[in-house]
């Protein structure tokens, strides 16, 4: 069962003479709802990551040195910044996971609609039914409705997606470099704690990169029939 393709899974789920069209439409509507929820989850994760980056900058360059936490007075909150790079990578992992889940739900939707409502797929308008409410760098469907408008339109679209994606990766990497330079140069933050935080952050980065590599590899590898 684990080696079945998405199409084969959809066929098994929707096969049978007693299948009701209303049940199929409910299933498709539910898939679209879940996909939109994943998009919102990715957006929230990205927004929280940006808020964490802003908090790090404020804590680094402000004169705020003490705070009250759970009723206890903390006279130097500089070490609190150690958790921010790690928390940001956790937000990135959450956004990436939500993206992959959304793409999976979209594939199931296309397979189910193609098998039970072939006119939907024949219309070429299925991308309109599966919107993406996540980060801009991942919003565009791989199926283009205006692809025949002009070849330059499609090339520009692909360049914009690639540029947007690499801009996000570059910004994340640049912030992590900036954060650890600030931490290592701050005498109030223990060096051993900064090293531990760096190791954990790099480990999370490697995990995200490996996850994306395997996900991309599995998508390109032909599934068994």
Protein backbone atom coordinates (compact mmCIF):
# COMPACT_ATOMS: atom_id res chain seq x y z
CA UNK A 1 0.00 0.00 0.00
CA UNK A 2 2.84 2.42 0.80
CA UNK A 3 4.22 2.10 -2.75
CA UNK A 4 1.00 3.24 -4.43
CA UNK A 5 1.08 6.47 -6.41
CA UNK A 6 -1.27 9.33 -5.62
CA UNK A 7 -3.35 8.39 -8.66
CA UNK A 8 -3.65 4.77 -7.53
CA UNK A 9 -4.62 5.85 -4.02
CA UNK A 10 -7.29 8.18 -5.39
CA UNK A 11 -8.61 5.41 -7.64
CA UNK A 12 -8.93 2.96 -4.73
CA UNK A 13 -10.60 5.55 -2.55
CA UNK A 14 -13.13 6.53 -5.21
CA UNK A 15 -13.79 3.17 -6.86
CA UNK A 16 -17.05 1.29 -6.46
CA UNK A 17 -20.52 1.34 -7.95
CA UNK A 18 -22.06 2.82 -4.83
CA UNK A 19 -20.00 5.99 -4.95
CA UNK A 20 -22.16 9.08 -4.66
CA UNK A 21 -21.32 12.26 -6.58
CA UNK A 22 -22.19 14.37 -3.55
CA UNK A 23 -19.63 12.42 -1.51
CA UNK A 24 -17.01 13.09 -4.18
CA UNK A 25 -17.76 16.80 -4.18
CA UNK A 26 -17.61 16.89 -0.38
CA UNK A 27 -14.24 15.12 -0.48
CA UNK A 28 -12.89 17.58 -3.05
CA UNK A 29 -14.19 20.57 -1.11
CA UNK A 30 -12.56 19.25 2.04
CA UNK A 31 -9.22 18.83 0.21
CA UNK A 32 -9.37 22.45 -0.94
CA UNK A 33 -10.16 23.62 2.58
CA UNK A 34 -7.23 21.69 4.06
CA UNK A 35 -4.89 23.06 1.39
CA UNK A 36 -5.93 26.63 2.18
CA UNK A 37 -5.40 25.94 5.89
CA UNK A 38 -1.86 24.78 5.13
CA UNK A 39 -1.24 27.98 3.19
CA UNK A 40 -2.36 30.07 6.15
CA UNK A 41 -0.15 27.99 8.46
CA UNK A 42 2.86 28.67 6.24
CA UNK A 43 2.04 32.40 6.21
CA UNK A 44 1.81 32.47 10.00
CA UNK A 45 5.14 30.66 10.33
CA UNK A 46 6.86 33.14 8.01
CA UNK A 47 5.30 36.10 9.85
CA UNK A 48 6.48 34.75 13.21
CA UNK A 49 9.97 34.27 11.80
CA UNK A 50 10.05 37.90 10.66
CA UNK A 51 8.80 39.03 14.06
CA UNK A 52 11.59 37.05 15.74
CA UNK A 53 14.18 38.67 13.47
CA UNK A 54 12.84 42.11 14.36
CA UNK A 55 12.92 41.23 18.06
CA UNK A 56 16.56 40.15 17.77
CA UNK A 57 17.54 43.45 16.14
CA UNK A 58 15.67 45.44 18.80
CA UNK A 59 17.25 43.49 21.66
CA UNK A 60 20.70 43.85 20.12
CA UNK A 61 20.67 47.59 19.53
CA UNK A 62 18.33 48.88 22.24
CA UNK A 63 19.22 49.94 25.77
CA UNK A 64 16.75 47.48 27.26
CA UNK A 65 18.84 45.39 29.63
CA UNK A 66 16.36 43.94 32.11
CA UNK A 67 12.87 42.53 32.17
CA UNK A 68 10.48 40.72 34.46
CA UNK A 69 9.71 37.14 33.49
CA UNK A 70 7.30 34.95 35.48
CA UNK A 71 7.65 37.27 38.45
CA UNK A 72 11.45 37.14 38.46
CA UNK A 73 13.65 40.11 37.65
CA UNK A 74 16.14 39.39 34.88
CA UNK A 75 18.89 42.01 34.92
CA UNK A 76 20.48 41.07 31.59
CA UNK A 77 18.26 39.74 28.81
CA UNK A 78 21.05 39.55 26.22
CA UNK A 79 21.28 35.73 26.45
CA UNK A 80 17.58 35.54 25.55
CA UNK A 81 18.63 36.29 21.97
CA UNK A 82 20.22 32.82 21.78
CA UNK A 83 16.84 31.18 21.29
CA UNK A 84 15.84 33.41 18.36
CA UNK A 85 17.99 31.84 15.59
CA UNK A 86 16.81 28.38 16.63
CA UNK A 87 13.19 29.49 16.84
CA UNK A 88 13.45 31.02 13.36
CA UNK A 89 14.64 27.74 11.88
CA UNK A 90 11.74 25.96 13.56
CA UNK A 91 9.40 28.44 11.86
CA UNK A 92 11.11 27.74 8.53
CA UNK A 93 10.65 24.01 9.07
CA UNK A 94 6.97 24.60 9.84
CA UNK A 95 6.50 26.63 6.67
CA UNK A 96 8.30 24.07 4.50
CA UNK A 97 6.25 21.22 5.95
CA UNK A 98 3.02 23.12 5.33
CA UNK A 99 4.09 23.77 1.74
CA UNK A 100 4.83 20.11 1.08
CA UNK A 101 1.51 19.05 2.58
CA UNK A 102 -0.33 21.60 0.48
CA UNK A 103 1.31 20.33 -2.70
CA UNK A 104 0.35 16.77 -1.76
CA UNK A 105 -3.30 17.74 -1.18
CA UNK A 106 -3.30 19.55 -4.52
CA UNK A 107 -2.07 16.41 -6.29
CA UNK A 108 -4.78 14.31 -4.63
CA UNK A 109 -7.38 16.88 -5.64
CA UNK A 110 -6.26 16.85 -9.27
CA UNK A 111 -6.25 13.05 -9.41
CA UNK A 112 -9.68 12.71 -7.79
CA UNK A 113 -11.21 15.43 -9.94
CA UNK A 114 -9.67 13.95 -13.08
CA UNK A 115 -11.12 10.50 -12.38
CA UNK A 116 -14.57 11.43 -11.13
CA UNK A 117 -15.16 14.80 -12.81
CA UNK A 118 -13.09 14.63 -16.01
CA UNK A 119 -14.70 17.76 -17.44
CA UNK A 120 -13.10 19.76 -14.61
CA UNK A 121 -9.63 18.67 -15.69
CA UNK A 122 -10.47 19.07 -19.39
CA UNK A 123 -11.44 22.69 -18.76
CA UNK A 124 -7.88 23.49 -17.69
CA UNK A 125 -9.24 25.64 -14.85
CA UNK A 126 -8.38 23.39 -11.92
CA UNK A 127 -5.63 25.77 -10.70
CA UNK A 128 -8.36 28.33 -9.99
CA UNK A 129 -9.94 25.91 -7.52
CA UNK A 130 -6.76 25.30 -5.53
CA UNK A 131 -5.48 28.71 -4.40
CA UNK A 132 -2.37 29.09 -2.28
CA UNK A 133 -2.50 31.42 0.70
CA UNK A 134 1.10 30.89 1.71
CA UNK A 135 4.35 32.79 1.11
CA UNK A 136 4.63 34.62 -2.21
CA UNK A 137 7.64 32.58 -3.30
CA UNK A 138 5.50 29.44 -3.33
CA UNK A 139 2.10 30.74 -4.38
CA UNK A 140 2.25 30.06 -8.10
CA UNK A 141 0.72 26.86 -9.37
CA UNK A 142 2.90 24.72 -11.67
CA UNK A 143 -0.02 24.79 -14.11
CA UNK A 144 -0.22 28.17 -15.83
CA UNK A 145 -3.50 29.49 -17.17
CA UNK A 146 -1.79 32.22 -19.23
CA UNK A 147 1.07 30.07 -20.50
CA UNK A 148 -0.08 30.47 -24.12
CA UNK A 149 -0.32 34.26 -23.90
CA UNK A 150 3.30 34.82 -24.86
CA UNK A 151 6.50 32.80 -24.26
CA UNK A 152 8.04 35.78 -22.49
CA UNK A 153 5.22 35.76 -19.92
CA UNK A 154 6.08 32.24 -18.84
CA UNK A 155 9.82 32.99 -18.70
CA UNK A 156 9.18 36.12 -16.63
CA UNK A 157 6.94 34.12 -14.31
CA UNK A 158 9.62 31.49 -13.75
CA UNK A 159 12.31 34.13 -13.19
CA UNK A 160 10.12 35.90 -10.62
CA UNK A 161 9.47 32.68 -8.73
CA UNK A 162 13.15 31.74 -8.73
CA UNK A 163 14.25 35.23 -7.70
CA UNK A 164 11.68 35.40 -4.92
CA UNK A 165 12.68 31.98 -3.57
CA UNK A 166 16.42 32.72 -3.61
CA UNK A 167 15.82 36.15 -2.06
CA UNK A 168 14.11 34.45 0.88
CA UNK A 169 16.94 31.93 1.28
CA UNK A 170 19.57 34.65 1.03
CA UNK A 171 17.78 36.83 3.58
CA UNK A 172 17.53 33.94 6.03
CA UNK A 173 21.20 33.03 5.65
CA UNK A 174 22.28 36.68 5.95
CA UNK A 175 20.28 37.13 9.13
CA UNK A 176 21.75 34.00 10.70
CA UNK A 177 25.27 35.22 9.91
CA UNK A 178 24.44 38.65 11.35
CA UNK A 179 22.87 37.11 14.47
CA UNK A 180 25.83 34.91 15.32
CA UNK A 181 28.36 37.65 14.60
CA UNK A 182 26.49 39.82 17.12
CA UNK A 183 26.29 37.00 19.65
CA UNK A 184 29.95 36.04 19.40
CA UNK A 185 31.01 39.67 19.81
CA UNK A 186 28.78 40.27 22.81
CA UNK A 187 30.78 39.62 26.01
CA UNK A 188 27.55 39.28 27.99
CA UNK A 189 26.62 36.11 26.11
CA UNK A 190 28.61 32.98 27.07
CA UNK A 191 30.65 31.70 24.14
CA UNK A 192 29.87 28.06 24.90
CA UNK A 193 26.14 28.85 24.78
CA UNK A 194 26.55 30.64 21.46
CA UNK A 195 28.46 27.66 20.03
CA UNK A 196 25.72 25.28 21.19
CA UNK A 197 23.07 27.51 19.62
CA UNK A 198 25.06 27.65 16.37
CA UNK A 199 25.36 23.87 16.23
CA UNK A 200 21.63 23.45 16.81
CA UNK A 201 20.75 26.06 14.19
CA UNK A 202 23.05 24.51 11.57
CA UNK A 203 21.57 21.09 12.37
CA UNK A 204 18.06 22.41 11.75
CA UNK A 205 19.23 24.03 8.50
CA UNK A 206 20.72 20.73 7.37
CA UNK A 207 17.54 18.90 8.30
CA UNK A 208 15.40 21.31 6.26
CA UNK A 209 17.76 21.04 3.27
CA UNK A 210 17.78 17.24 3.48
CA UNK A 211 14.00 17.15 3.80
CA UNK A 212 13.58 19.28 0.67
CA UNK A 213 16.17 17.23 -1.24
CA UNK A 214 14.44 13.93 -0.47
CA UNK A 215 11.02 15.41 -1.20
CA UNK A 216 12.22 16.66 -4.59
CA UNK A 217 13.93 13.34 -5.32
CA UNK A 218 10.80 11.34 -4.50
CA UNK A 219 8.75 13.56 -6.78
CA UNK A 220 11.11 12.91 -9.70
CA UNK A 221 11.52 9.17 -9.10
CA UNK A 222 8.99 7.14 -11.15
CA UNK A 223 6.53 5.34 -8.90
CA UNK A 224 6.07 1.57 -9.21
CA UNK A 225 3.03 0.36 -11.12
